[in-house]
C-alpha atoms as a PDB file:
ATOM      1  CA  MET A   1     -43.930   5.753   0.351  1.00  0.00           C
ATOM      2  CA  LEU A   2     -42.557   7.487   3.549  1.00  0.00           C
ATOM      3  CA  SER A   3     -39.676  10.568   3.620  1.00  0.00           C
ATOM      4  CA  ASP A   4     -36.661   9.091   2.623  1.00  0.00           C
ATOM      5  CA  GLU A   5     -35.281   9.805   6.311  1.00  0.00           C
ATOM      6  CA  MET A   6     -38.488   8.148   8.073  1.00  0.00           C
ATOM      7  CA  TYR A   7     -36.203   4.903   6.769  1.00  0.00           C
ATOM      8  CA  ARG A   8     -33.563   3.440   8.506  1.00  0.00           C
ATOM      9  CA  GLY A   9     -30.041   2.288   7.064  1.00  0.00           C
ATOM     10  CA  THR A  10     -30.037  -0.996   8.764  1.00  0.00           C
ATOM     11  CA  ASP A  11     -33.888  -2.136   7.380  1.00  0.00           C
ATOM     12  CA  VAL A  12     -32.273  -0.600   4.003  1.00  0.00           C
ATOM     13  CA  SER A  13     -29.240  -3.065   4.529  1.00  0.00           C
ATOM     14  CA  TYR A  14     -31.205  -5.958   5.686  1.00  0.00           C
ATOM     15  CA  VAL A  15     -33.891  -5.799   2.644  1.00  0.00           C
ATOM     16  CA  CYS A  16     -30.724  -6.988   0.325  1.00  0.00           C
ATOM     17  CA  ILE A  17     -29.733  -9.585   2.840  1.00  0.00           C
ATOM     18  CA  CYS A  18     -32.945 -11.408   4.555  1.00  0.00           C
ATOM     19  CA  LEU A  19     -36.336 -10.319   4.225  1.00  0.00           C
ATOM     20  CA  ARG A  20     -37.468 -12.360   7.658  1.00  0.00           C
ATOM     21  CA  ARG A  21     -34.858 -10.215   9.310  1.00  0.00           C
ATOM     22  CA  ALA A  22     -36.238  -6.642   7.316  1.00  0.00           C
ATOM     23  CA  TRP A  23     -39.203  -7.911   8.857  1.00  0.00           C
ATOM     24  CA  LEU A  24     -38.408  -8.257  12.292  1.00  0.00           C
ATOM     25  CA  SER A  25     -36.457  -4.981  12.467  1.00  0.00           C
ATOM     26  CA  THR A  26     -39.318  -3.336  10.644  1.00  0.00           C
ATOM     27  CA  HIS A  27     -41.685  -4.149  13.390  1.00  0.00           C
ATOM     28  CA  GLU A  28     -39.248  -2.874  16.004  1.00  0.00           C
ATOM     29  CA  ILE A  29     -37.971  -6.799  17.247  1.00  0.00           C
ATOM     30  CA  TYR A  30     -34.902  -6.811  17.619  1.00  0.00           C
ATOM     31  CA  ILE A  31     -32.260  -9.168  19.174  1.00  0.00           C
ATOM     32  CA  THR A  32     -29.453  -7.932  21.512  1.00  0.00           C
ATOM     33  CA  ASP A  33     -29.054 -10.599  23.800  1.00  0.00           C
ATOM     34  CA  GLY A  34     -25.056 -10.395  23.856  1.00  0.00           C
ATOM     35  CA  THR A  35     -24.761 -12.795  20.801  1.00  0.00           C
ATOM     36  CA  GLU A  36     -21.240 -12.519  19.424  1.00  0.00           C
ATOM     37  CA  PHE A  37     -22.191 -10.076  16.721  1.00  0.00           C
ATOM     38  CA  VAL A  38     -24.106  -7.758  18.560  1.00  0.00           C
ATOM     39  CA  LYS A  39     -20.656  -7.965  20.955  1.00  0.00           C
ATOM     40  CA  MET A  40     -18.579  -7.212  18.185  1.00  0.00           C
ATOM     41  CA  GLY A  41     -20.891  -4.743  16.630  1.00  0.00           C
ATOM     42  CA  SER A  42     -20.362  -3.137  19.971  1.00  0.00           C
ATOM     43  CA  TYR A  43     -16.541  -3.484  20.032  1.00  0.00           C
ATOM     44  CA  THR A  44     -16.806  -1.728  16.985  1.00  0.00           C
ATOM     45  CA  ASN A  45     -18.752   0.826  17.938  1.00  0.00           C
ATOM     46  CA  ASP A  46     -17.106   1.691  21.230  1.00  0.00           C
ATOM     47  CA  VAL A  47     -13.409   1.013  20.239  1.00  0.00           C
ATOM     48  CA  GLU A  48     -12.454   0.875  16.718  1.00  0.00           C
ATOM     49  CA  ARG A  49     -14.262   3.577  14.809  1.00  0.00           C
ATOM     50  CA  ASN A  50     -12.791   6.867  16.968  1.00  0.00           C
ATOM     51  CA  TYR A  51     -11.261   8.607  14.224  1.00  0.00           C
ATOM     52  CA  GLY A  52     -12.439  12.263  15.186  1.00  0.00           C
ATOM     53  CA  TYR A  53     -15.346  12.448  13.084  1.00  0.00           C
ATOM     54  CA  SER A  54     -18.935  13.235  14.582  1.00  0.00           C
ATOM     55  CA  GLN A  55     -21.594  11.179  14.480  1.00  0.00           C
ATOM     56  CA  VAL A  56     -24.733  12.486  13.103  1.00  0.00           C
ATOM     57  CA  SER A  57     -28.719  11.601  13.203  1.00  0.00           C
ATOM     58  CA  ILE A  58     -31.242  12.072  10.528  1.00  0.00           C
ATOM     59  CA  GLY A  59     -34.514  10.982  10.998  1.00  0.00           C
ATOM     60  CA  ARG A  60     -34.520   7.588  12.337  1.00  0.00           C
ATOM     61  CA  ASN A  61     -30.688   7.322  11.029  1.00  0.00           C
ATOM     62  CA  LYS A  62     -27.281   7.197  12.763  1.00  0.00           C
ATOM     63  CA  ILE A  63     -24.643   7.687  10.415  1.00  0.00           C
ATOM     64  CA  ASP A  64     -21.276   6.248  11.771  1.00  0.00           C
ATOM     65  CA  TYR A  65     -19.508   9.395  10.784  1.00  0.00           C
ATOM     66  CA  LEU A  66     -19.498  12.600   9.154  1.00  0.00           C
ATOM     67  CA  GLN A  67     -16.229  14.312   8.096  1.00  0.00           C
ATOM     68  CA  LEU A  68     -16.524  18.142   7.097  1.00  0.00           C
ATOM     69  CA  LEU A  69     -13.640  19.270   4.437  1.00  0.00           C
ATOM     70  CA  PRO A  70     -12.178  22.624   4.120  1.00  0.00           C
ATOM     71  CA  ASP A  71     -14.409  23.520   0.999  1.00  0.00           C
ATOM     72  CA  LYS A  72     -17.524  22.637   3.123  1.00  0.00           C
ATOM     73  CA  LYS A  73     -18.107  19.421   1.491  1.00  0.00           C
ATOM     74  CA  CYS A  74     -18.577  16.266   3.993  1.00  0.00           C
ATOM     75  CA  ILE A  75     -17.450  12.718   3.496  1.00  0.00           C
ATOM     76  CA  ILE A  76     -20.097   9.922   5.038  1.00  0.00           C
ATOM     77  CA  HIS A  77     -18.311   7.213   6.740  1.00  0.00           C
ATOM     78  CA  GLU A  78     -19.697   3.677   7.515  1.00  0.00           C
ATOM     79  CA  PHE A  79     -17.590   1.138   9.462  1.00  0.00           C
ATOM     80  CA  LYS A  80     -18.040  -2.598   8.823  1.00  0.00           C
ATOM     81  CA  ARG A  81     -16.740  -5.677  10.517  1.00  0.00           C
ATOM     82  CA  GLY A  82     -16.701  -7.831   7.102  1.00  0.00           C
ATOM     83  CA  ARG A  83     -13.799  -8.126   4.735  1.00  0.00           C
ATOM     84  CA  LYS A  84     -15.375  -7.031   1.837  1.00  0.00           C
ATOM     85  CA  VAL A  85     -18.039  -5.056  -0.156  1.00  0.00           C
ATOM     86  CA  ILE A  86     -21.522  -6.514  -0.323  1.00  0.00           C
ATOM     87  CA  ASP A  87     -24.599  -4.763  -1.986  1.00  0.00           C
ATOM     88  CA  ALA A  88     -26.479  -4.343   1.259  1.00  0.00           C
ATOM     89  CA  ASP A  89     -23.368  -2.216   2.397  1.00  0.00           C
ATOM     90  CA  LEU A  90     -23.347  -0.532  -0.438  1.00  0.00           C
ATOM     91  CA  PHE A  91     -27.516   0.307   0.152  1.00  0.00           C
ATOM     92  CA  GLN A  92     -26.912   1.549   2.963  1.00  0.00           C
ATOM     93  CA  ILE A  93     -24.341   3.951   2.845  1.00  0.00           C
ATOM     94  CA  SER A  94     -26.233   5.487  -0.359  1.00  0.00           C
ATOM     95  CA  HIS A  95     -29.186   5.628   1.450  1.00  0.00           C
ATOM     96  CA  TYR A  96     -27.139   7.471   4.145  1.00  0.00           C
ATOM     97  CA  MET A  97     -25.778   9.739   1.473  1.00  0.00           C
ATOM     98  CA  ASN A  98     -28.969  10.571  -0.211  1.00  0.00           C
ATOM     99  CA  ILE A  99     -30.676  11.931   3.324  1.00  0.00           C
ATOM    100  CA  ALA A 100     -27.901  13.857   4.354  1.00  0.00           C
ATOM    101  CA  SER A 101     -27.933  15.231   1.160  1.00  0.00           C
ATOM    102  CA  SER A 102     -31.898  15.937   1.075  1.00  0.00           C
ATOM    103  CA  SER A 103     -31.014  17.226   4.573  1.00  0.00           C
ATOM    104  CA  GLY A 104     -29.013  20.002   3.404  1.00  0.00           C
ATOM    105  CA  TYR A 105     -25.449  18.322   3.656  1.00  0.00           C
ATOM    106  CA  ASP A 106     -23.553  18.818   0.497  1.00  0.00           C
ATOM    107  CA  ILE A 107     -21.762  15.578  -0.319  1.00  0.00           C
ATOM    108  CA  ASP A 108     -18.670  14.607  -1.613  1.00  0.00           C
ATOM    109  CA  HIS A 109     -18.369  10.880  -1.382  1.00  0.00           C
ATOM    110  CA  GLY A 110     -18.923   7.794   1.243  1.00  0.00           C
ATOM    111  CA  GLU A 111     -16.454   5.750   2.073  1.00  0.00           C
ATOM    112  CA  ILE A 112     -17.185   1.941   3.535  1.00  0.00           C
ATOM    113  CA  HIS A 113     -14.385   0.967   6.116  1.00  0.00           C
ATOM    114  CA  PHE A 114     -13.941  -2.599   6.415  1.00  0.00           C
ATOM    115  CA  LEU A 115     -12.235  -3.342   9.712  1.00  0.00           C
ATOM    116  CA  GLY A 116     -11.370  -7.005   9.479  1.00  0.00           C
ATOM    117  CA  SER A 117      -8.926  -6.011   6.598  1.00  0.00           C
ATOM    118  CA  LYS A 118      -8.478  -2.251   6.742  1.00  0.00           C
ATOM    119  CA  LYS A 119      -9.577  -1.343   3.312  1.00  0.00           C
ATOM    120  CA  ILE A 120     -11.781   1.442   2.426  1.00  0.00           C
ATOM    121  CA  LYS A 121     -14.359   1.303  -0.498  1.00  0.00           C
ATOM    122  CA  LYS A 122     -15.186   4.880  -2.113  1.00  0.00           C
ATOM    123  CA  VAL A 123     -18.686   5.371  -2.940  1.00  0.00           C
ATOM    124  CA  ASN A 124     -19.231   8.250  -5.616  1.00  0.00           C
ATOM    125  CA  PHE A 125     -22.080  10.586  -5.268  1.00  0.00           C
ATOM    126  CA  PRO A 126     -24.637  11.499  -6.959  1.00  0.00           C
ATOM    127  CA  LEU A 127     -25.890   8.261  -7.053  1.00  0.00           C
ATOM    128  CA  GLU A 128     -25.231   5.329  -9.398  1.00  0.00           C
ATOM    129  CA  ASN A 129     -28.115   3.679  -7.833  1.00  0.00           C
ATOM    130  CA  GLU A 130     -30.889   5.712  -6.964  1.00  0.00           C
ATOM    131  CA  ASN A 131     -33.472   3.992  -8.765  1.00  0.00           C
ATOM    132  CA  SER A 132     -32.477   0.853  -6.909  1.00  0.00           C
ATOM    133  CA  LEU A 133     -32.650   2.301  -3.160  1.00  0.00           C
ATOM    134  CA  LYS A 134     -36.228   3.520  -4.121  1.00  0.00           C
ATOM    135  CA  GLU A 135     -37.208   0.122  -4.810  1.00  0.00           C
ATOM    136  CA  LYS A 136     -35.795  -0.580  -1.225  1.00  0.00           C
ATOM    137  CA  TYR A 137     -37.826   1.759   0.319  1.00  0.00           C
ATOM    138  CA  ARG A 138     -40.712  -0.269  -1.307  1.00  0.00           C
ATOM    139  CA  MET A 139     -39.645  -3.046  -0.165  1.00  0.00           C
ATOM    140  CA  ILE A 140     -39.614  -2.206   3.384  1.00  0.00           C
ATOM    141  CA  ASP A 141     -43.336  -0.772   3.080  1.00  0.00           C
ATOM    142  CA  LYS A 142     -44.460  -3.818   1.685  1.00  0.00           C
ATOM    143  CA  LEU A 143     -42.847  -5.547   4.675  1.00  0.00           C
ATOM    144  CA  LYS A 144     -44.688  -3.143   7.095  1.00  0.00           C
ATOM    145  CA  GLN A 145     -47.998  -4.477   5.475  1.00  0.00           C
ATOM    146  CA  SER A 146     -46.905  -7.743   5.418  1.00  0.00           C
ATOM    147  CA  THR A 147     -47.216 -10.835   8.295  1.00  0.00           C
ATOM    148  CA  ILE A 148     -43.676 -12.352   8.582  1.00  0.00           C
ATOM    149  CA  PRO A 149     -41.540 -14.015   5.712  1.00  0.00           C
ATOM    150  CA  LYS A 150     -40.777 -18.198   5.750  1.00  0.00           C
ATOM    151  CA  MET A 151     -37.096 -18.320   7.359  1.00  0.00           C
ATOM    152  CA  GLU A 152     -34.844 -19.119   4.644  1.00  0.00           C
ATOM    153  CA  ARG A 153     -31.284 -19.597   5.191  1.00  0.00           C
ATOM    154  CA  ASN A 154     -28.547 -17.589   3.668  1.00  0.00           C
ATOM    155  CA  TYR A 155     -24.748 -17.146   4.025  1.00  0.00           C
ATOM    156  CA  PHE A 156     -25.429 -14.522   7.392  1.00  0.00           C
ATOM    157  CA  CYS A 157     -27.436 -16.986   9.049  1.00  0.00           C
ATOM    158  CA  SER A 158     -23.751 -18.373  10.198  1.00  0.00           C
ATOM    159  CA  HIS A 159     -22.130 -15.360   9.398  1.00  0.00           C
ATOM    160  CA  GLY A 160     -23.207 -12.345  11.008  1.00  0.00           C
ATOM    161  CA  CYS A 161     -27.408 -12.230  11.960  1.00  0.00           C
ATOM    162  CA  SER A 162     -28.179 -11.581  14.947  1.00  0.00           C
ATOM    163  CA  TYR A 163     -31.761 -13.562  14.957  1.00  0.00           C
ATOM    164  CA  VAL A 164     -30.172 -17.059  13.614  1.00  0.00           C
ATOM    165  CA  GLU A 165     -31.159 -18.667  17.428  1.00  0.00           C
ATOM    166  CA  PHE A 166     -34.416 -16.729  16.282  1.00  0.00           C
ATOM    167  CA  CYS A 167     -35.349 -18.261  13.365  1.00  0.00           C
ATOM    168  CA  TRP A 168     -33.074 -21.686  13.520  1.00  0.00           C
ATOM    169  CA  GLY A 169     -33.137 -22.360  17.584  1.00  0.00           C
ATOM    170  CA  SER A 170     -29.694 -22.361  19.389  1.00  0.00           C
ATOM    171  CA  ASN A 171     -27.706 -25.172  17.049  1.00  0.00           C
ATOM    172  CA  GLU A 172     -27.126 -23.170  14.297  1.00  0.00           C
END
C-alpha cells in the first residue's frame, strides 16, 4: 500500500460510487470535454467557493479550502454541488483530513458544503471511519492492477458522471 497522500481524494470518492469510474481515474483517463457536469464543477470551483480560505495541495490531492483558526487548528472544507451527504463525500473529506494530519496540520474538523442547498455537514476528527478508509485505499490498489471493470448502471450514471458517454454512449 502506498503512503496515504499518494491516493487522490477523487479516487477515494469514485471507488465508493463506481469501480469502473475509479478504474478510469486511477489509470489517468479523464473526461473533460465540457459535459454539463464538468461545466458545473468548473463554475463551482471558479465562482461559488470564494470564501477567503486557502486551497492546499498535499501529495496528489487538492483540498478545496483549508481554514486556519486562531488556536492554530484547521478546518478542511469540501464543496459539493449536491443537496445531501453520501458515503463518497464522507470518505473523500476523511481522506483529506487524514493526509493533512499526517502532513503536520492540527485538524479540528471537516465541513462538507452543499451548494445546492447551502447546508453544511460537519465531519469529526479523529476519524471514526479510519479502518474503512484504509479499505478504500486497498480497493484502489487492486483496481490499479486489474482490467477495467464491467459497466454497471447506478444513480450517478445520469446524475453527475462525466464518464457516462464513455460507458453508455450519447443516449443516456
